[in-house]
């Protein structure tokens, strides 16, 4: 009987020891993003050994009731708070969710949210071609970006003074390009495949943006041969507010633009905000017939698109060009290239070995 009681006491002590649960420590707050409706703060704290999840609570300092959020093993997360308010918050650990073993609440931390300060409408627009050889098809790439707190873009249209889309070669369902979209100041990033959704006529088609992650069509482009040039209209869905929290999009149409004859080629755009601001851009190129599109061996490289390190299967003298053909780098390379210091866009990589010249297009995102 004594032995039996000793075993019970021993097990009780073990359980008591095993159920110890420390409170999270070092709560802190980082600014994240201020939008038209909310100020986003990142709440973080030091993890607790043996915890299974955490609970946060926060309230305006003048409020009598708390709001609660659960966090599953993540000790850093952003939440949206009302503007121009002071909040208090703290956290507790759940060390055993089955037996409801929790820590006490951590010490309280205080923070004050920011005001929303809008800035002027000033979208960034760039457009480029994979080559400038006359009467030959080329890839067409354009980018559009906004800083946080600019008025949202309502409509955007791109025009050219010459050239055309080879719409008569397309069929419904053809893959004609790709796109990358960043929204919410970086909270959302999506890759898209561009697919022919509808051919309206030999001079007009609808291109759908197929979301590679969700399998849903999130938007579309109308492409058209119009007034001796092209017209591209992006249909942008309404997001329910008038200001952006920061966004950028990069779109590439594969081998779809037919360069005109020799001479000037002008691209221009008209971008209107949801608050009726209007912004225009003009970008000029010179089309030439004196150069031919080189034949080359394709450089096998990966990942492409990328934003960090580009790997390839050959070694030699590597040259990097931007989309306008300007040389940015020439160096001896041994199977990789660090591209983290270059901005998003379309580039060209040439690699000269002892036997061959390899070339490829590179997309940085």
Protein backbone atom coordinates (compact mmCIF):
# COMPACT_ATOMS: atom_id res chain seq x y z
CA UNK A 1 0.00 0.00 0.00
CA UNK A 2 2.84 2.38 0.86
CA UNK A 3 4.53 1.56 -2.44
CA UNK A 4 1.26 2.24 -4.29
CA UNK A 5 0.82 5.64 -2.59
CA UNK A 6 4.46 6.49 -3.38
CA UNK A 7 3.89 5.76 -7.08
CA UNK A 8 0.78 7.98 -7.14
CA UNK A 9 2.70 10.81 -5.49
CA UNK A 10 5.59 10.37 -7.92
CA UNK A 11 3.28 10.49 -10.95
CA UNK A 12 1.52 13.55 -9.52
CA UNK A 13 4.84 15.33 -9.12
CA UNK A 14 5.84 14.45 -12.69
CA UNK A 15 2.54 15.77 -14.05
CA UNK A 16 2.85 18.94 -12.01
CA UNK A 17 6.35 19.48 -13.31
CA UNK A 18 5.32 18.73 -16.90
CA UNK A 19 2.45 21.20 -16.75
CA UNK A 20 4.63 24.21 -15.97
CA UNK A 21 3.99 26.88 -18.65
CA UNK A 22 5.94 30.13 -18.81
CA UNK A 23 4.42 33.40 -19.97
CA UNK A 24 5.73 34.93 -23.24
CA UNK A 25 8.37 37.59 -22.70
CA UNK A 26 9.70 40.70 -24.46
CA UNK A 27 6.51 41.89 -26.19
CA UNK A 28 7.26 44.55 -28.81
CA UNK A 29 5.55 46.30 -31.72
CA UNK A 30 6.86 47.21 -35.18
CA UNK A 31 5.28 49.60 -37.68
CA UNK A 32 4.14 47.77 -40.75
CA UNK A 33 1.84 49.79 -42.98
CA UNK A 34 -0.71 52.61 -42.68
CA UNK A 35 -3.65 52.39 -45.07
CA UNK A 36 -6.75 54.46 -45.62
CA UNK A 37 -8.74 52.51 -43.03
CA UNK A 38 -6.22 50.78 -40.74
CA UNK A 39 -2.75 51.07 -39.29
CA UNK A 40 -1.00 47.71 -39.46
CA UNK A 41 1.31 46.80 -36.59
CA UNK A 42 3.40 43.69 -36.17
CA UNK A 43 3.03 42.26 -32.66
CA UNK A 44 5.85 39.98 -31.58
CA UNK A 45 7.27 38.30 -28.50
CA UNK A 46 9.77 35.64 -27.47
CA UNK A 47 8.60 32.06 -27.91
CA UNK A 48 7.88 29.75 -24.98
CA UNK A 49 9.53 26.33 -24.92
CA UNK A 50 6.94 23.56 -25.11
CA UNK A 51 4.05 25.80 -26.17
CA UNK A 52 1.46 24.57 -28.69
CA UNK A 53 -0.12 27.93 -29.55
CA UNK A 54 -0.56 31.45 -28.23
CA UNK A 55 -3.43 33.80 -27.49
CA UNK A 56 -3.17 37.57 -27.89
CA UNK A 57 -5.48 40.17 -26.47
CA UNK A 58 -5.56 43.89 -27.17
CA UNK A 59 -7.87 46.85 -26.60
CA UNK A 60 -7.99 50.59 -26.94
CA UNK A 61 -6.73 52.07 -23.72
CA UNK A 62 -10.14 53.70 -23.17
CA UNK A 63 -12.08 50.47 -23.80
CA UNK A 64 -13.39 48.12 -21.11
CA UNK A 65 -13.36 44.93 -23.21
CA UNK A 66 -10.57 42.97 -24.89
CA UNK A 67 -10.32 41.55 -28.40
CA UNK A 68 -8.65 38.12 -28.69
CA UNK A 69 -6.64 36.43 -31.44
CA UNK A 70 -5.17 32.93 -31.58
CA UNK A 71 -1.69 32.36 -33.03
CA UNK A 72 -0.45 28.89 -33.91
CA UNK A 73 3.26 28.78 -33.09
CA UNK A 74 3.86 32.16 -34.78
CA UNK A 75 5.39 34.77 -32.48
CA UNK A 76 5.24 37.63 -34.99
CA UNK A 77 2.08 38.67 -36.82
CA UNK A 78 0.60 41.86 -38.28
CA UNK A 79 -2.89 43.08 -37.39
CA UNK A 80 -4.91 46.09 -38.56
CA UNK A 81 -5.85 48.69 -35.92
CA UNK A 82 -7.97 51.84 -35.97
CA UNK A 83 -6.10 55.03 -36.83
CA UNK A 84 -4.98 57.54 -34.17
CA UNK A 85 -5.61 55.32 -31.16
CA UNK A 86 -3.56 54.06 -28.21
CA UNK A 87 -3.73 50.32 -27.49
CA UNK A 88 -2.50 47.97 -24.79
CA UNK A 89 -1.85 44.28 -25.45
CA UNK A 90 -0.22 41.13 -24.10
CA UNK A 91 -0.01 37.41 -24.80
CA UNK A 92 -0.22 34.03 -23.07
CA UNK A 93 1.04 30.58 -24.07
CA UNK A 94 -0.97 27.36 -24.39
CA UNK A 95 1.39 24.57 -23.39
CA UNK A 96 -1.23 21.79 -23.48
CA UNK A 97 -4.39 22.50 -25.48
CA UNK A 98 -5.94 19.14 -24.56
CA UNK A 99 -5.71 19.69 -20.80
CA UNK A 100 -6.07 23.48 -21.02
CA UNK A 101 -2.65 24.20 -19.48
CA UNK A 102 -1.82 27.87 -20.02
CA UNK A 103 0.62 30.46 -18.79
CA UNK A 104 -0.33 33.68 -17.12
CA UNK A 105 -0.66 36.76 -19.33
CA UNK A 106 2.62 38.43 -20.21
CA UNK A 107 3.45 41.95 -19.13
CA UNK A 108 1.45 44.56 -21.02
CA UNK A 109 2.82 46.63 -23.86
CA UNK A 110 1.43 49.91 -25.23
CA UNK A 111 1.49 51.39 -28.74
CA UNK A 112 -0.13 54.27 -30.63
CA UNK A 113 -1.36 53.96 -34.19
CA UNK A 114 -0.50 56.37 -37.00
CA UNK A 115 -2.54 58.78 -39.09
CA UNK A 116 -3.20 58.10 -42.75
CA UNK A 117 -1.36 60.64 -44.90
CA UNK A 118 -2.18 60.38 -48.62
CA UNK A 119 0.40 61.23 -51.27
CA UNK A 120 -0.03 62.45 -54.82
CA UNK A 121 -0.89 60.14 -57.71
CA UNK A 122 2.45 59.21 -59.33
CA UNK A 123 2.40 55.67 -60.77
CA UNK A 124 5.62 54.32 -62.29
CA UNK A 125 5.35 52.91 -65.81
CA UNK A 126 7.95 51.11 -67.95
CA UNK A 127 7.64 49.22 -71.23
CA UNK A 128 10.24 47.36 -73.28
CA UNK A 129 10.72 44.95 -76.18
CA UNK A 130 12.98 41.91 -76.34
CA UNK A 131 14.62 43.36 -79.49
CA UNK A 132 14.26 46.32 -81.87
CA UNK A 133 14.63 44.54 -85.22
CA UNK A 134 12.14 45.69 -87.84
CA UNK A 135 9.29 43.54 -89.16
CA UNK A 136 9.85 40.71 -86.65
CA UNK A 137 7.92 39.56 -83.60
CA UNK A 138 9.21 40.38 -80.12
CA UNK A 139 8.26 39.88 -76.49
CA UNK A 140 6.56 42.94 -75.00
CA UNK A 141 6.94 43.60 -71.28
CA UNK A 142 5.51 46.39 -69.17
CA UNK A 143 5.50 47.20 -65.47
CA UNK A 144 3.23 49.42 -63.41
CA UNK A 145 3.89 50.26 -59.76
CA UNK A 146 2.55 52.54 -57.02
CA UNK A 147 3.85 53.68 -53.66
CA UNK A 148 1.72 53.20 -50.52
CA UNK A 149 -1.00 55.81 -49.94
CA UNK A 150 -1.36 56.89 -53.57
CA UNK A 151 -4.89 57.03 -54.98
CA UNK A 152 -5.82 53.65 -56.47
CA UNK A 153 -5.59 53.15 -60.22
CA UNK A 154 -9.05 52.96 -61.79
CA UNK A 155 -8.08 52.40 -65.44
CA UNK A 156 -4.85 52.08 -67.39
CA UNK A 157 -4.38 51.97 -71.14
CA UNK A 158 -1.22 51.57 -73.23
CA UNK A 159 -0.95 52.76 -76.84
CA UNK A 160 1.72 52.67 -79.54
CA UNK A 161 2.31 54.80 -82.61
CA UNK A 162 3.08 51.76 -84.77
CA UNK A 163 3.46 47.98 -84.68
CA UNK A 164 0.73 45.41 -84.15
CA UNK A 165 -0.29 42.29 -82.25
CA UNK A 166 -0.30 39.03 -84.19
CA UNK A 167 -3.83 38.23 -83.04
CA UNK A 168 -4.63 36.32 -86.25
CA UNK A 169 -2.19 33.59 -85.12
CA UNK A 170 -3.94 32.98 -81.77
CA UNK A 171 -6.49 30.41 -80.66
CA UNK A 172 -8.72 30.25 -77.58
CA UNK A 173 -6.78 28.72 -74.67
CA UNK A 174 -3.30 29.60 -75.99
CA UNK A 175 -0.74 30.58 -73.35
CA UNK A 176 0.61 33.94 -74.47
CA UNK A 177 2.57 35.22 -71.49
CA UNK A 178 2.98 35.53 -67.75
CA UNK A 179 2.53 38.14 -65.04
CA UNK A 180 3.60 38.81 -61.49
CA UNK A 181 1.50 40.89 -59.08
CA UNK A 182 2.39 42.33 -55.69
CA UNK A 183 -0.35 44.04 -53.67
CA UNK A 184 -1.10 45.10 -50.13
CA UNK A 185 2.35 46.60 -49.68
CA UNK A 186 3.91 43.16 -50.13
CA UNK A 187 1.40 41.07 -48.15
CA UNK A 188 0.14 39.44 -51.34
CA UNK A 189 2.23 38.10 -54.21
CA UNK A 190 0.83 36.07 -57.10
CA UNK A 191 2.12 34.55 -60.33
CA UNK A 192 -0.19 34.44 -63.34
CA UNK A 193 -0.35 32.61 -66.64
CA UNK A 194 -1.82 34.71 -69.45
CA UNK A 195 -4.30 32.74 -71.57
CA UNK A 196 -6.35 33.71 -74.61
CA UNK A 197 -9.90 33.90 -73.26
CA UNK A 198 -11.76 35.26 -76.27
CA UNK A 199 -10.86 36.29 -79.83
CA UNK A 200 -13.26 39.08 -80.70
CA UNK A 201 -11.88 39.74 -84.20
CA UNK A 202 -8.58 39.38 -86.13
CA UNK A 203 -7.60 42.68 -84.46
CA UNK A 204 -8.88 42.23 -80.89
CA UNK A 205 -8.68 39.62 -78.13
CA UNK A 206 -9.27 39.22 -74.39
CA UNK A 207 -6.37 37.80 -72.38
CA UNK A 208 -7.27 36.27 -69.00
CA UNK A 209 -5.00 36.40 -65.92
CA UNK A 210 -5.06 32.84 -64.56
CA UNK A 211 -3.83 32.74 -60.95
CA UNK A 212 -1.30 29.90 -60.70
CA UNK A 213 -1.93 29.48 -56.96
CA UNK A 214 -5.72 29.60 -56.75
CA UNK A 215 -6.76 28.47 -60.24
CA UNK A 216 -9.06 31.51 -60.48
CA UNK A 217 -9.13 34.19 -63.19
CA UNK A 218 -8.44 37.42 -61.28
CA UNK A 219 -8.55 39.91 -64.16
CA UNK A 220 -8.01 40.39 -67.87
CA UNK A 221 -6.43 42.48 -70.60
CA UNK A 222 -8.00 43.67 -73.81
CA UNK A 223 -5.41 43.80 -76.62
CA UNK A 224 -6.25 45.47 -79.90
CA UNK A 225 -4.70 46.75 -83.12
CA UNK A 226 -5.95 50.31 -83.29
CA UNK A 227 -5.15 53.44 -85.34
CA UNK A 228 -1.95 52.05 -86.82
CA UNK A 229 -0.61 50.82 -83.47
CA UNK A 230 -1.73 48.80 -80.47
CA UNK A 231 -3.98 49.40 -77.48
CA UNK A 232 -3.86 47.46 -74.19
CA UNK A 233 -6.50 48.01 -71.52
CA UNK A 234 -6.18 46.40 -68.09
CA UNK A 235 -9.47 45.71 -66.31
CA UNK A 236 -8.79 46.34 -62.61
CA UNK A 237 -11.42 45.12 -60.10
CA UNK A 238 -12.55 47.58 -57.41
CA UNK A 239 -11.02 46.80 -54.00
CA UNK A 240 -13.47 48.89 -51.99
CA UNK A 241 -11.24 51.87 -51.11
CA UNK A 242 -9.66 54.85 -52.87
CA UNK A 243 -6.00 54.43 -51.87
CA UNK A 244 -3.42 51.71 -52.44
CA UNK A 245 -1.18 50.20 -49.79
CA UNK A 246 1.51 49.69 -52.43
CA UNK A 247 1.40 47.53 -55.53
CA UNK A 248 3.32 46.52 -58.63
CA UNK A 249 2.60 44.38 -61.66
CA UNK A 250 4.87 42.99 -64.33
CA UNK A 251 3.41 41.58 -67.54
CA UNK A 252 5.13 39.79 -70.44
CA UNK A 253 3.47 38.88 -73.74
CA UNK A 254 5.48 36.18 -75.49
CA UNK A 255 6.49 36.88 -79.11
CA UNK A 256 3.19 38.66 -79.73
CA UNK A 257 4.21 42.16 -80.83
CA UNK A 258 5.20 42.67 -84.47
CA UNK A 259 7.77 45.45 -84.73
CA UNK A 260 7.04 48.04 -87.43
CA UNK A 261 9.37 49.13 -90.21
CA UNK A 262 12.43 51.27 -89.44
CA UNK A 263 11.88 54.52 -87.59
CA UNK A 264 10.58 55.79 -84.28
CA UNK A 265 8.25 53.66 -82.18
CA UNK A 266 6.47 55.53 -79.40
CA UNK A 267 4.63 53.93 -76.49
CA UNK A 268 2.43 56.07 -74.30
CA UNK A 269 -0.03 55.41 -71.53
CA UNK A 270 -3.01 57.05 -69.87
CA UNK A 271 -3.59 56.09 -66.23
CA UNK A 272 -6.56 57.40 -64.24
CA UNK A 273 -7.03 57.12 -60.50
CA UNK A 274 -10.25 56.41 -58.63
CA UNK A 275 -10.12 60.08 -57.54
CA UNK A 276 -9.96 61.21 -61.21
CA UNK A 277 -6.25 62.07 -61.31
CA UNK A 278 -4.67 61.43 -64.70
CA UNK A 279 -1.05 60.48 -65.41
CA UNK A 280 0.60 60.03 -68.82
CA UNK A 281 3.95 58.53 -69.82
CA UNK A 282 5.78 58.36 -73.15
CA UNK A 283 8.65 55.98 -73.97
CA UNK A 284 10.43 56.09 -77.35
CA UNK A 285 12.38 53.41 -79.24
CA UNK A 286 14.19 53.37 -82.57
CA UNK A 287 13.41 50.39 -84.81
CA UNK A 288 16.25 49.37 -87.14
CA UNK A 289 16.57 46.88 -90.01
CA UNK A 290 20.37 46.81 -90.03
CA UNK A 291 20.66 44.10 -87.39
CA UNK A 292 19.33 40.61 -87.65
CA UNK A 293 18.01 38.56 -84.77
CA UNK A 294 21.00 36.45 -83.78
CA UNK A 295 20.79 32.69 -83.76
CA UNK A 296 22.29 31.31 -80.59
CA UNK A 297 22.27 28.40 -78.23
CA UNK A 298 19.82 28.84 -75.41
CA UNK A 299 21.42 29.23 -71.99
CA UNK A 300 19.80 26.80 -69.57
CA UNK A 301 19.35 28.70 -66.31
CA UNK A 302 17.17 28.41 -63.21
CA UNK A 303 15.11 29.63 -61.49
CA UNK A 304 13.74 32.02 -64.09
CA UNK A 305 11.98 34.29 -63.03
CA UNK A 306 14.10 34.87 -59.92
CA UNK A 307 15.01 37.58 -57.42
CA UNK A 308 18.19 36.22 -55.82
CA UNK A 309 20.62 33.74 -57.42
CA UNK A 310 20.58 32.57 -61.06
CA UNK A 311 22.22 29.20 -61.74
CA UNK A 312 23.32 27.91 -65.15
CA UNK A 313 25.06 24.86 -66.54
CA UNK A 314 28.01 26.56 -68.27
CA UNK A 315 30.97 28.68 -67.17
CA UNK A 316 32.60 31.51 -69.07
CA UNK A 317 32.45 35.26 -69.62
CA UNK A 318 29.00 36.51 -68.64
CA UNK A 319 27.44 39.77 -69.84
CA UNK A 320 24.18 41.18 -68.48
CA UNK A 321 22.09 43.67 -70.50
CA UNK A 322 18.94 45.59 -69.56
CA UNK A 323 15.82 45.62 -71.75
CA UNK A 324 17.18 48.54 -73.82
CA UNK A 325 20.37 46.70 -74.68
CA UNK A 326 22.62 48.62 -72.28
CA UNK A 327 25.41 46.50 -70.79
CA UNK A 328 25.20 46.40 -66.98
CA UNK A 329 27.82 43.80 -66.13
CA UNK A 330 30.64 41.80 -67.72
CA UNK A 331 32.44 39.26 -65.56
CA UNK A 332 33.95 35.80 -65.35
CA UNK A 333 31.20 33.54 -64.02
CA UNK A 334 31.26 30.02 -62.64
CA UNK A 335 27.74 28.58 -62.90
CA UNK A 336 25.85 31.29 -60.99
CA UNK A 337 25.05 35.02 -60.86
CA UNK A 338 23.85 37.03 -57.86
CA UNK A 339 21.07 39.36 -59.09
CA UNK A 340 19.78 40.69 -55.78
CA UNK A 341 21.09 44.22 -56.48
CA UNK A 342 19.12 44.60 -59.73
CA UNK A 343 15.56 45.92 -59.90
CA UNK A 344 12.62 44.02 -61.32
CA UNK A 345 12.41 43.81 -65.06
CA UNK A 346 13.44 42.02 -68.25
CA UNK A 347 17.16 41.36 -68.82
CA UNK A 348 19.36 39.47 -71.28
CA UNK A 349 22.18 37.17 -70.29
CA UNK A 350 25.03 36.29 -72.70
CA UNK A 351 27.56 33.64 -71.73
CA UNK A 352 30.62 33.16 -73.93
CA UNK A 353 32.43 29.84 -73.45
CA UNK A 354 35.46 28.55 -75.34
CA UNK A 355 33.20 26.84 -77.88
CA UNK A 356 29.83 28.62 -77.96
CA UNK A 357 27.78 31.74 -77.24
CA UNK A 358 24.75 31.11 -75.05
CA UNK A 359 21.92 33.63 -74.60
CA UNK A 360 18.67 33.82 -72.68
CA UNK A 361 16.04 36.23 -71.43
CA UNK A 362 15.93 36.72 -67.66
CA UNK A 363 12.98 38.02 -65.65
CA UNK A 364 13.74 39.51 -62.25
CA UNK A 365 10.87 39.97 -59.82
